[in-house]
Amino acid sequence: MPPKKKKSKAKAQRRERGMESSTPAGSENNNTLMHEEYEELTVTLNSLKRRVEQLRRENALLQNEADRIRQENQEYRDYMKIKIKKRQDAIVTLNNQHQREMQNIQEKREEVLEKYEDEAREIKHQIQVKEKKLAVLKLEIADLEDVKHLRQQQLSHIAELEMEIAAMVSSHSKSLQGLKADAVAQKKQHEAQAQQKVRHLSQEAPRDAVRCLKALTTKVFEENQNLREELHLLFQRARELHDQQIALKRKQQRLLAEKEHVRMFRSVLPEIKRGAAYGADS
C-alpha cells in the first residue's frame, strides 16, 4: 500500500514538471525528475522484490505447514483406521467369545438341569422305596404286636406249667410219703399174723413195694423229665421271641430313622424343585 501512494505522488509531480519541460530549463529538470523517479522505482522494485521474496518464503513455510498438516492428517486417518480396525476386530473377538461363553453357559445349564432331573427321579424312586419299606414296617409292627401277645400267652402258659410242675412234684412227694407210711403200717399190721404168712408177706411185700416205688419213681422222673424238656423248649422259644423282639426293635428304629430321613428330604424337596425350575427359567 505505501508504494502505491508514492507512485501517485510521483505521477502528480511528473505532470507538474511535464508542464515545465517545454522549456530548456524544464528539460534538464525533467531528466533530473526522471532519474529521481527511476531511483524511486528502483527502490520500489527492490522493496517489492523483498516483499515478493518474503511472501515466497512465507508461502513456502505455509506450504510446508500445509504439507505437514496434510501428512499429520493422513497419519491420523491411518492411525484411526488401524485403531478402528483393531476395535472392530476386538468387537468381533468379544462377540465370538461372548457367543462361546453363552453356548458354554447354555450347555452347563442343560447339564445342571439334566442332573437335577436325574437326582429328582432318583429321589422320587428312593421315596417310593422308603414308602414301601415303611408299609412293610407297619405290617411288621402289627406282627410284632401279635408276637408280643403270643409271648404274653406263652409266658402265662409257662407260669401255669411251672405251677403245675410244682404242684405235681408236691403231690408226688406226698404220694410217695403216703405209700411209705402205708407200707410200714401194713408191715406192722401183718407182723401179728402167722410166722409163715409174715415170712411170706415179708418176702413179697418188699418186692411189691420196691416195684411200685420204682414204677412210681420212674413215672415221676419221666413226667419231670418231660416237664423239664417242655419247660426248656418254652424257655428257648421265649428267648427266641426275645431275640426276635430285639431285632424287630432295632429294625423299627432303623426304619424310623429312614422315615425321619424321608420326612426331612420331603421338606427340602420343594426347594430342590424350585431351584430346578429357576434354572430352567433362567
C-alpha atoms as a PDB file:
ATOM      1  CA  MET A   1       0.000   0.000   0.000  1.00  0.00           C
ATOM      2  CA  PRO A   2       2.724   2.700   0.781  1.00  0.00           C
ATOM      3  CA  PRO A   3       4.444   2.219  -2.611  1.00  0.00           C
ATOM      4  CA  LYS A   4       1.139   2.952  -4.346  1.00  0.00           C
ATOM      5  CA  LYS A   5       0.915   6.271  -2.522  1.00  0.00           C
ATOM      6  CA  LYS A   6       4.467   7.169  -3.578  1.00  0.00           C
ATOM      7  CA  LYS A   7       3.653   6.231  -7.166  1.00  0.00           C
ATOM      8  CA  SER A   8       0.601   8.505  -7.165  1.00  0.00           C
ATOM      9  CA  LYS A   9       2.655  11.356  -5.775  1.00  0.00           C
ATOM     10  CA  ALA A  10       5.366  10.747  -8.380  1.00  0.00           C
ATOM     11  CA  LYS A  11       2.794  10.861 -11.181  1.00  0.00           C
ATOM     12  CA  ALA A  12       1.454  14.132  -9.868  1.00  0.00           C
ATOM     13  CA  GLN A  13       4.935  15.573  -9.708  1.00  0.00           C
ATOM     14  CA  ARG A  14       5.668  14.383 -13.242  1.00  0.00           C
ATOM     15  CA  ARG A  15       2.565  16.028 -14.508  1.00  0.00           C
ATOM     16  CA  GLU A  16       3.568  19.254 -12.837  1.00  0.00           C
ATOM     17  CA  ARG A  17       7.087  19.008 -14.097  1.00  0.00           C
ATOM     18  CA  GLY A  18       5.957  17.939 -17.562  1.00  0.00           C
ATOM     19  CA  MET A  19       4.259  21.185 -17.890  1.00  0.00           C
ATOM     20  CA  GLU A  20       7.613  22.836 -17.257  1.00  0.00           C
ATOM     21  CA  SER A  21       9.530  20.606 -19.684  1.00  0.00           C
ATOM     22  CA  SER A  22       8.552  22.615 -22.695  1.00  0.00           C
ATOM     23  CA  THR A  23      11.453  24.964 -21.880  1.00  0.00           C
ATOM     24  CA  PRO A  24      15.237  24.155 -21.966  1.00  0.00           C
ATOM     25  CA  ALA A  25      15.468  24.578 -18.247  1.00  0.00           C
ATOM     26  CA  GLY A  26      12.476  22.353 -17.923  1.00  0.00           C
ATOM     27  CA  SER A  27      14.150  19.628 -19.988  1.00  0.00           C
ATOM     28  CA  GLU A  28      17.055  19.436 -17.522  1.00  0.00           C
ATOM     29  CA  ASN A  29      14.677  19.324 -14.636  1.00  0.00           C
ATOM     30  CA  ASN A  30      12.770  16.620 -16.449  1.00  0.00           C
ATOM     31  CA  ASN A  31      15.874  14.449 -16.654  1.00  0.00           C
ATOM     32  CA  THR A  32      16.514  15.000 -13.011  1.00  0.00           C
ATOM     33  CA  LEU A  33      12.982  14.118 -12.204  1.00  0.00           C
ATOM     34  CA  MET A  34      13.150  11.054 -14.393  1.00  0.00           C
ATOM     35  CA  HIS A  35      16.345   9.994 -12.648  1.00  0.00           C
ATOM     36  CA  GLU A  36      14.745  10.510  -9.281  1.00  0.00           C
ATOM     37  CA  GLU A  37      11.707   8.656 -10.476  1.00  0.00           C
ATOM     38  CA  TYR A  38      13.940   5.845 -11.714  1.00  0.00           C
ATOM     39  CA  GLU A  39      15.664   5.667  -8.363  1.00  0.00           C
ATOM     40  CA  GLU A  40      12.290   5.689  -6.642  1.00  0.00           C
ATOM     41  CA  LEU A  41      11.085   2.970  -8.956  1.00  0.00           C
ATOM     42  CA  THR A  42      14.288   1.022  -8.300  1.00  0.00           C
ATOM     43  CA  VAL A  43      13.751   1.362  -4.560  1.00  0.00           C
ATOM     44  CA  THR A  44      10.120   0.395  -5.007  1.00  0.00           C
ATOM     45  CA  LEU A  45      11.125  -2.551  -7.210  1.00  0.00           C
ATOM     46  CA  ASN A  46      13.701  -3.727  -4.686  1.00  0.00           C
ATOM     47  CA  SER A  47      11.126  -3.308  -1.932  1.00  0.00           C
ATOM     48  CA  LEU A  48       8.639  -5.264  -3.985  1.00  0.00           C
ATOM     49  CA  LYS A  49      11.263  -7.932  -4.693  1.00  0.00           C
ATOM     50  CA  ARG A  50      11.997  -8.202  -0.997  1.00  0.00           C
ATOM     51  CA  ARG A  51       8.270  -8.326  -0.342  1.00  0.00           C
ATOM     52  CA  VAL A  52       7.863 -10.987  -3.012  1.00  0.00           C
ATOM     53  CA  GLU A  53      10.772 -12.962  -1.537  1.00  0.00           C
ATOM     54  CA  GLN A  54       9.261 -12.626   1.912  1.00  0.00           C
ATOM     55  CA  LEU A  55       5.892 -13.696   0.585  1.00  0.00           C
ATOM     56  CA  ARG A  56       7.571 -16.557  -1.271  1.00  0.00           C
ATOM     57  CA  ARG A  57       9.290 -17.686   1.907  1.00  0.00           C
ATOM     58  CA  GLU A  58       6.046 -17.286   3.857  1.00  0.00           C
ATOM     59  CA  ASN A  59       4.243 -19.190   1.108  1.00  0.00           C
ATOM     60  CA  ALA A  60       6.892 -21.922   1.304  1.00  0.00           C
ATOM     61  CA  LEU A  61       6.502 -22.045   5.065  1.00  0.00           C
ATOM     62  CA  LEU A  62       2.742 -22.135   4.702  1.00  0.00           C
ATOM     63  CA  GLN A  63       3.063 -24.808   2.022  1.00  0.00           C
ATOM     64  CA  ASN A  64       5.372 -26.830   4.271  1.00  0.00           C
ATOM     65  CA  GLU A  65       2.957 -26.332   7.161  1.00  0.00           C
ATOM     66  CA  ALA A  66       0.074 -27.352   4.922  1.00  0.00           C
ATOM     67  CA  ASP A  67       2.041 -30.415   3.752  1.00  0.00           C
ATOM     68  CA  ARG A  68       2.888 -31.230   7.356  1.00  0.00           C
ATOM     69  CA  ILE A  69      -0.753 -30.818   8.382  1.00  0.00           C
ATOM     70  CA  ARG A  70      -1.878 -32.962   5.424  1.00  0.00           C
ATOM     71  CA  GLN A  71       0.704 -35.582   6.359  1.00  0.00           C
ATOM     72  CA  GLU A  72      -0.355 -35.461  10.003  1.00  0.00           C
ATOM     73  CA  ASN A  73      -3.988 -35.684   8.927  1.00  0.00           C
ATOM     74  CA  GLN A  74      -3.143 -38.642   6.710  1.00  0.00           C
ATOM     75  CA  GLU A  75      -1.174 -40.280   9.511  1.00  0.00           C
ATOM     76  CA  TYR A  76      -4.044 -39.571  11.926  1.00  0.00           C
ATOM     77  CA  ARG A  77      -6.532 -41.024   9.435  1.00  0.00           C
ATOM     78  CA  ASP A  78      -4.296 -44.086   9.013  1.00  0.00           C
ATOM     79  CA  TYR A  79      -3.942 -44.338  12.800  1.00  0.00           C
ATOM     80  CA  MET A  80      -7.694 -44.001  13.259  1.00  0.00           C
ATOM     81  CA  LYS A  81      -8.300 -46.602  10.536  1.00  0.00           C
ATOM     82  CA  ILE A  82      -5.923 -49.010  12.283  1.00  0.00           C
ATOM     83  CA  LYS A  83      -7.478 -48.209  15.654  1.00  0.00           C
ATOM     84  CA  ILE A  84     -11.000 -48.610  14.275  1.00  0.00           C
ATOM     85  CA  LYS A  85      -9.930 -51.871  12.608  1.00  0.00           C
ATOM     86  CA  LYS A  86      -8.467 -53.103  15.906  1.00  0.00           C
ATOM     87  CA  ARG A  87     -11.624 -52.086  17.745  1.00  0.00           C
ATOM     88  CA  GLN A  88     -13.772 -53.806  15.144  1.00  0.00           C
ATOM     89  CA  ASP A  89     -11.586 -56.918  15.423  1.00  0.00           C
ATOM     90  CA  ALA A  90     -11.801 -56.681  19.218  1.00  0.00           C
ATOM     91  CA  ILE A  91     -15.591 -56.312  18.976  1.00  0.00           C
ATOM     92  CA  VAL A  92     -15.775 -59.344  16.677  1.00  0.00           C
ATOM     93  CA  THR A  93     -13.479 -61.284  19.020  1.00  0.00           C
ATOM     94  CA  LEU A  94     -15.523 -60.272  22.061  1.00  0.00           C
ATOM     95  CA  ASN A  95     -18.714 -61.134  20.230  1.00  0.00           C
ATOM     96  CA  ASN A  96     -17.351 -64.568  19.312  1.00  0.00           C
ATOM     97  CA  GLN A  97     -16.097 -65.048  22.860  1.00  0.00           C
ATOM     98  CA  HIS A  98     -19.487 -63.969  24.180  1.00  0.00           C
ATOM     99  CA  GLN A  99     -21.199 -66.416  21.847  1.00  0.00           C
ATOM    100  CA  ARG A 100     -18.890 -69.225  23.025  1.00  0.00           C
ATOM    101  CA  GLU A 101     -19.471 -68.298  26.665  1.00  0.00           C
ATOM    102  CA  MET A 102     -23.225 -68.184  26.106  1.00  0.00           C
ATOM    103  CA  GLN A 103     -23.041 -71.580  24.407  1.00  0.00           C
ATOM    104  CA  ASN A 104     -20.964 -72.971  27.285  1.00  0.00           C
ATOM    105  CA  ILE A 105     -23.409 -71.487  29.801  1.00  0.00           C
ATOM    106  CA  GLN A 106     -26.324 -72.999  27.893  1.00  0.00           C
ATOM    107  CA  GLU A 107     -24.597 -76.404  27.806  1.00  0.00           C
ATOM    108  CA  LYS A 108     -23.778 -76.200  31.520  1.00  0.00           C
ATOM    109  CA  ARG A 109     -27.349 -75.116  32.240  1.00  0.00           C
ATOM    110  CA  GLU A 110     -28.664 -78.122  30.310  1.00  0.00           C
ATOM    111  CA  GLU A 111     -26.215 -80.407  32.134  1.00  0.00           C
ATOM    112  CA  VAL A 112     -27.228 -78.990  35.525  1.00  0.00           C
ATOM    113  CA  LEU A 113     -30.906 -79.255  34.629  1.00  0.00           C
ATOM    114  CA  GLU A 114     -30.443 -82.848  33.478  1.00  0.00           C
ATOM    115  CA  LYS A 115     -28.519 -83.593  36.662  1.00  0.00           C
ATOM    116  CA  TYR A 116     -31.318 -82.073  38.755  1.00  0.00           C
ATOM    117  CA  GLU A 117     -33.896 -84.102  36.843  1.00  0.00           C
ATOM    118  CA  ASP A 118     -31.876 -87.304  37.361  1.00  0.00           C
ATOM    119  CA  GLU A 119     -31.493 -86.515  41.056  1.00  0.00           C
ATOM    120  CA  ALA A 120     -35.201 -85.733  41.310  1.00  0.00           C
ATOM    121  CA  ARG A 121     -36.055 -89.063  39.666  1.00  0.00           C
ATOM    122  CA  GLU A 122     -33.610 -90.877  41.936  1.00  0.00           C
ATOM    123  CA  ILE A 123     -35.029 -89.116  44.983  1.00  0.00           C
ATOM    124  CA  LYS A 124     -38.561 -89.954  43.880  1.00  0.00           C
ATOM    125  CA  HIS A 125     -37.515 -93.590  43.461  1.00  0.00           C
ATOM    126  CA  GLN A 126     -35.910 -93.570  46.912  1.00  0.00           C
ATOM    127  CA  ILE A 127     -39.073 -92.068  48.381  1.00  0.00           C
ATOM    128  CA  GLN A 128     -41.146 -94.824  46.790  1.00  0.00           C
ATOM    129  CA  VAL A 129     -38.737 -97.452  48.124  1.00  0.00           C
ATOM    130  CA  LYS A 130     -38.849 -95.890  51.598  1.00  0.00           C
ATOM    131  CA  GLU A 131     -42.645 -95.769  51.475  1.00  0.00           C
ATOM    132  CA  LYS A 132     -42.725 -99.457  50.581  1.00  0.00           C
ATOM    133  CA  LYS A 133     -40.321-100.205  53.425  1.00  0.00           C
ATOM    134  CA  LEU A 134     -42.490 -98.119  55.718  1.00  0.00           C
ATOM    135  CA  ALA A 135     -45.570-100.098  54.699  1.00  0.00           C
ATOM    136  CA  VAL A 136     -43.684-103.340  55.343  1.00  0.00           C
ATOM    137  CA  LEU A 137     -42.538-101.931  58.670  1.00  0.00           C
ATOM    138  CA  LYS A 138     -46.111-101.163  59.626  1.00  0.00           C
ATOM    139  CA  LEU A 139     -47.045-104.754  58.855  1.00  0.00           C
ATOM    140  CA  GLU A 140     -44.063-105.994  60.839  1.00  0.00           C
ATOM    141  CA  ILE A 141     -45.013-103.744  63.739  1.00  0.00           C
ATOM    142  CA  ALA A 142     -48.520-105.206  63.606  1.00  0.00           C
ATOM    143  CA  ASP A 143     -46.986-108.686  63.531  1.00  0.00           C
ATOM    144  CA  LEU A 144     -44.783-107.638  66.417  1.00  0.00           C
ATOM    145  CA  GLU A 145     -47.863-106.779  68.427  1.00  0.00           C
ATOM    146  CA  ASP A 146     -49.171-110.263  67.685  1.00  0.00           C
ATOM    147  CA  VAL A 147     -45.808-111.691  68.751  1.00  0.00           C
ATOM    148  CA  LYS A 148     -45.943-109.700  71.963  1.00  0.00           C
ATOM    149  CA  HIS A 149     -49.432-111.022  72.622  1.00  0.00           C
ATOM    150  CA  LEU A 150     -48.286-114.581  71.839  1.00  0.00           C
ATOM    151  CA  ARG A 151     -45.263-114.130  74.093  1.00  0.00           C
ATOM    152  CA  GLN A 152     -47.511-112.969  76.923  1.00  0.00           C
ATOM    153  CA  GLN A 153     -49.683-116.025  76.385  1.00  0.00           C
ATOM    154  CA  GLN A 154     -46.626-118.287  76.350  1.00  0.00           C
ATOM    155  CA  LEU A 155     -45.235-116.664  79.486  1.00  0.00           C
ATOM    156  CA  SER A 156     -48.594-117.163  81.150  1.00  0.00           C
ATOM    157  CA  HIS A 157     -48.627-120.787  79.976  1.00  0.00           C
ATOM    158  CA  ILE A 158     -45.061-121.235  81.268  1.00  0.00           C
ATOM    159  CA  ALA A 159     -46.081-119.821  84.634  1.00  0.00           C
ATOM    160  CA  GLU A 160     -49.051-122.166  84.705  1.00  0.00           C
ATOM    161  CA  LEU A 161     -46.817-125.108  83.772  1.00  0.00           C
ATOM    162  CA  GLU A 162     -44.345-124.160  86.485  1.00  0.00           C
ATOM    163  CA  MET A 163     -47.184-124.032  88.978  1.00  0.00           C
ATOM    164  CA  GLU A 164     -48.465-127.390  87.716  1.00  0.00           C
ATOM    165  CA  ILE A 165     -44.949-128.870  87.956  1.00  0.00           C
ATOM    166  CA  ALA A 166     -44.563-127.593  91.494  1.00  0.00           C
ATOM    167  CA  ALA A 167     -47.982-128.962  92.402  1.00  0.00           C
ATOM    168  CA  MET A 168     -47.216-132.273  90.705  1.00  0.00           C
ATOM    169  CA  VAL A 169     -43.855-132.597  92.472  1.00  0.00           C
ATOM    170  CA  SER A 170     -45.508-131.801  95.792  1.00  0.00           C
ATOM    171  CA  SER A 171     -48.295-134.273  95.068  1.00  0.00           C
ATOM    172  CA  HIS A 172     -45.831-136.977  94.066  1.00  0.00           C
ATOM    173  CA  SER A 173     -43.792-136.346  97.197  1.00  0.00           C
ATOM    174  CA  LYS A 174     -46.890-136.638  99.336  1.00  0.00           C
ATOM    175  CA  SER A 175     -47.963-139.765  97.455  1.00  0.00           C
ATOM    176  CA  LEU A 176     -44.537-141.303  97.959  1.00  0.00           C
ATOM    177  CA  GLN A 177     -44.590-140.482 101.655  1.00  0.00           C
ATOM    178  CA  GLY A 178     -48.108-141.912 101.910  1.00  0.00           C
ATOM    179  CA  LEU A 179     -47.042-145.101 100.166  1.00  0.00           C
ATOM    180  CA  LYS A 180     -44.107-145.456 102.510  1.00  0.00           C
ATOM    181  CA  ALA A 181     -46.353-144.879 105.529  1.00  0.00           C
ATOM    182  CA  ASP A 182     -48.903-147.390 104.240  1.00  0.00           C
ATOM    183  CA  ALA A 183     -46.159-149.945 103.693  1.00  0.00           C
ATOM    184  CA  VAL A 184     -44.894-149.501 107.243  1.00  0.00           C
ATOM    185  CA  ALA A 185     -48.435-149.724 108.637  1.00  0.00           C
ATOM    186  CA  GLN A 186     -49.193-152.805 106.636  1.00  0.00           C
ATOM    187  CA  LYS A 187     -45.906-154.301 107.736  1.00  0.00           C
ATOM    188  CA  LYS A 188     -46.738-153.714 111.420  1.00  0.00           C
ATOM    189  CA  GLN A 189     -50.272-154.916 110.946  1.00  0.00           C
ATOM    190  CA  HIS A 190     -49.213-158.172 109.373  1.00  0.00           C
ATOM    191  CA  GLU A 191     -46.440-158.836 111.928  1.00  0.00           C
ATOM    192  CA  ALA A 192     -49.075-160.257 114.269  1.00  0.00           C
ATOM    193  CA  GLN A 193     -50.087-162.841 111.736  1.00  0.00           C
ATOM    194  CA  ALA A 194     -48.615-166.228 111.392  1.00  0.00           C
ATOM    195  CA  GLN A 195     -44.898-166.609 111.009  1.00  0.00           C
ATOM    196  CA  GLN A 196     -45.291-168.246 107.675  1.00  0.00           C
ATOM    197  CA  LYS A 197     -47.668-165.588 106.461  1.00  0.00           C
ATOM    198  CA  VAL A 198     -45.406-162.950 107.928  1.00  0.00           C
ATOM    199  CA  ARG A 199     -42.443-164.571 106.298  1.00  0.00           C
ATOM    200  CA  HIS A 200     -44.329-164.830 103.050  1.00  0.00           C
ATOM    201  CA  LEU A 201     -45.560-161.337 103.351  1.00  0.00           C
ATOM    202  CA  SER A 202     -42.132-160.178 104.453  1.00  0.00           C
ATOM    203  CA  GLN A 203     -40.746-161.639 101.232  1.00  0.00           C
ATOM    204  CA  GLU A 204     -43.481-160.482  98.877  1.00  0.00           C
ATOM    205  CA  ALA A 205     -44.323-157.100 100.329  1.00  0.00           C
ATOM    206  CA  PRO A 206     -40.847-155.516  99.955  1.00  0.00           C
ATOM    207  CA  ARG A 207     -40.616-156.697  96.374  1.00  0.00           C
ATOM    208  CA  ASP A 208     -44.044-155.266  95.563  1.00  0.00           C
ATOM    209  CA  ALA A 209     -43.216-152.076  97.410  1.00  0.00           C
ATOM    210  CA  VAL A 210     -39.902-151.790  95.609  1.00  0.00           C
ATOM    211  CA  ARG A 211     -41.528-152.451  92.247  1.00  0.00           C
ATOM    212  CA  CYS A 212     -44.268-149.957  92.992  1.00  0.00           C
ATOM    213  CA  LEU A 213     -41.783-147.446  94.283  1.00  0.00           C
ATOM    214  CA  LYS A 214     -39.563-147.932  91.246  1.00  0.00           C
ATOM    215  CA  ALA A 215     -42.506-147.661  88.874  1.00  0.00           C
ATOM    216  CA  LEU A 216     -43.762-144.558  90.633  1.00  0.00           C
ATOM    217  CA  THR A 217     -40.293-143.061  90.757  1.00  0.00           C
ATOM    218  CA  THR A 218     -39.785-143.849  87.094  1.00  0.00           C
ATOM    219  CA  LYS A 219     -43.143-142.333  86.231  1.00  0.00           C
ATOM    220  CA  VAL A 220     -42.426-139.215  88.279  1.00  0.00           C
ATOM    221  CA  PHE A 221     -38.950-138.954  86.765  1.00  0.00           C
ATOM    222  CA  GLU A 222     -40.329-139.329  83.250  1.00  0.00           C
ATOM    223  CA  GLU A 223     -43.022-136.756  83.929  1.00  0.00           C
ATOM    224  CA  ASN A 224     -40.457-134.435  85.471  1.00  0.00           C
ATOM    225  CA  GLN A 225     -38.162-135.020  82.511  1.00  0.00           C
ATOM    226  CA  ASN A 226     -40.977-134.279  80.080  1.00  0.00           C
ATOM    227  CA  LEU A 227     -41.869-131.166  82.037  1.00  0.00           C
ATOM    228  CA  ARG A 228     -38.236-130.078  82.062  1.00  0.00           C
ATOM    229  CA  GLU A 229     -37.992-130.613  78.314  1.00  0.00           C
ATOM    230  CA  GLU A 230     -41.228-128.751  77.747  1.00  0.00           C
ATOM    231  CA  LEU A 231     -40.066-126.002  80.087  1.00  0.00           C
ATOM    232  CA  HIS A 232     -36.697-125.876  78.284  1.00  0.00           C
ATOM    233  CA  LEU A 233     -38.463-125.633  74.943  1.00  0.00           C
ATOM    234  CA  LEU A 234     -40.673-122.882  76.307  1.00  0.00           C
ATOM    235  CA  PHE A 235     -37.655-121.018  77.663  1.00  0.00           C
ATOM    236  CA  GLN A 236     -35.871-121.473  74.351  1.00  0.00           C
ATOM    237  CA  ARG A 237     -38.943-120.246  72.495  1.00  0.00           C
ATOM    238  CA  ALA A 238     -39.193-117.305  74.883  1.00  0.00           C
ATOM    239  CA  ARG A 239     -35.512-116.493  74.288  1.00  0.00           C
ATOM    240  CA  GLU A 240     -36.036-116.684  70.522  1.00  0.00           C
ATOM    241  CA  LEU A 241     -39.050-114.412  70.823  1.00  0.00           C
ATOM    242  CA  HIS A 242     -36.996-112.031  72.960  1.00  0.00           C
ATOM    243  CA  ASP A 243     -34.179-112.006  70.390  1.00  0.00           C
ATOM    244  CA  GLN A 244     -36.718-111.535  67.632  1.00  0.00           C
ATOM    245  CA  GLN A 245     -38.274-108.681  69.578  1.00  0.00           C
ATOM    246  CA  ILE A 246     -34.856-107.011  69.972  1.00  0.00           C
ATOM    247  CA  ALA A 247     -34.175-107.468  66.232  1.00  0.00           C
ATOM    248  CA  LEU A 248     -37.584-106.028  65.404  1.00  0.00           C
ATOM    249  CA  LYS A 249     -36.952-103.082  67.718  1.00  0.00           C
ATOM    250  CA  ARG A 250     -33.641-102.406  66.010  1.00  0.00           C
ATOM    251  CA  LYS A 251     -35.266-102.707  62.630  1.00  0.00           C
ATOM    252  CA  GLN A 252     -38.053-100.436  63.812  1.00  0.00           C
ATOM    253  CA  GLN A 253     -35.517 -97.854  64.993  1.00  0.00           C
ATOM    254  CA  ARG A 254     -33.670 -98.091  61.677  1.00  0.00           C
ATOM    255  CA  LEU A 255     -36.890 -97.715  59.717  1.00  0.00           C
ATOM    256  CA  LEU A 256     -37.962 -94.834  61.922  1.00  0.00           C
ATOM    257  CA  ALA A 257     -34.615 -93.164  61.205  1.00  0.00           C
ATOM    258  CA  GLU A 258     -35.145 -93.775  57.490  1.00  0.00           C
ATOM    259  CA  LYS A 259     -38.667 -92.406  57.827  1.00  0.00           C
ATOM    260  CA  GLU A 260     -37.262 -89.292  59.502  1.00  0.00           C
ATOM    261  CA  HIS A 261     -34.719 -89.005  56.696  1.00  0.00           C
ATOM    262  CA  VAL A 262     -37.518 -89.294  54.131  1.00  0.00           C
ATOM    263  CA  ARG A 263     -39.540 -86.664  56.010  1.00  0.00           C
ATOM    264  CA  MET A 264     -36.582 -84.287  56.066  1.00  0.00           C
ATOM    265  CA  PHE A 265     -35.925 -84.960  52.402  1.00  0.00           C
ATOM    266  CA  ARG A 266     -39.578 -84.272  51.574  1.00  0.00           C
ATOM    267  CA  SER A 267     -39.293 -80.972  53.415  1.00  0.00           C
ATOM    268  CA  VAL A 268     -36.340 -79.895  51.224  1.00  0.00           C
ATOM    269  CA  LEU A 269     -37.697 -81.448  48.013  1.00  0.00           C
ATOM    270  CA  PRO A 270     -39.838 -78.339  47.134  1.00  0.00           C
ATOM    271  CA  GLU A 271     -36.707 -76.179  47.393  1.00  0.00           C
ATOM    272  CA  ILE A 272     -34.844 -78.544  45.066  1.00  0.00           C
ATOM    273  CA  LYS A 273     -37.747 -78.428  42.617  1.00  0.00           C
ATOM    274  CA  ARG A 274     -37.877 -74.623  42.837  1.00  0.00           C
ATOM    275  CA  GLY A 275     -34.125 -74.498  42.176  1.00  0.00           C
ATOM    276  CA  ALA A 276     -34.543 -76.776  39.167  1.00  0.00           C
ATOM    277  CA  ALA A 277     -37.486 -74.668  37.896  1.00  0.00           C
ATOM    278  CA  TYR A 278     -35.464 -71.477  38.406  1.00  0.00           C
ATOM    279  CA  GLY A 279     -32.567 -72.990  36.465  1.00  0.00           C
ATOM    280  CA  ALA A 280     -34.965 -73.961  33.669  1.00  0.00           C
ATOM    281  CA  ASP A 281     -36.472 -70.440  33.537  1.00  0.00           C
ATOM    282  CA  SER A 282     -33.036 -68.796  33.528  1.00  0.00           C
END
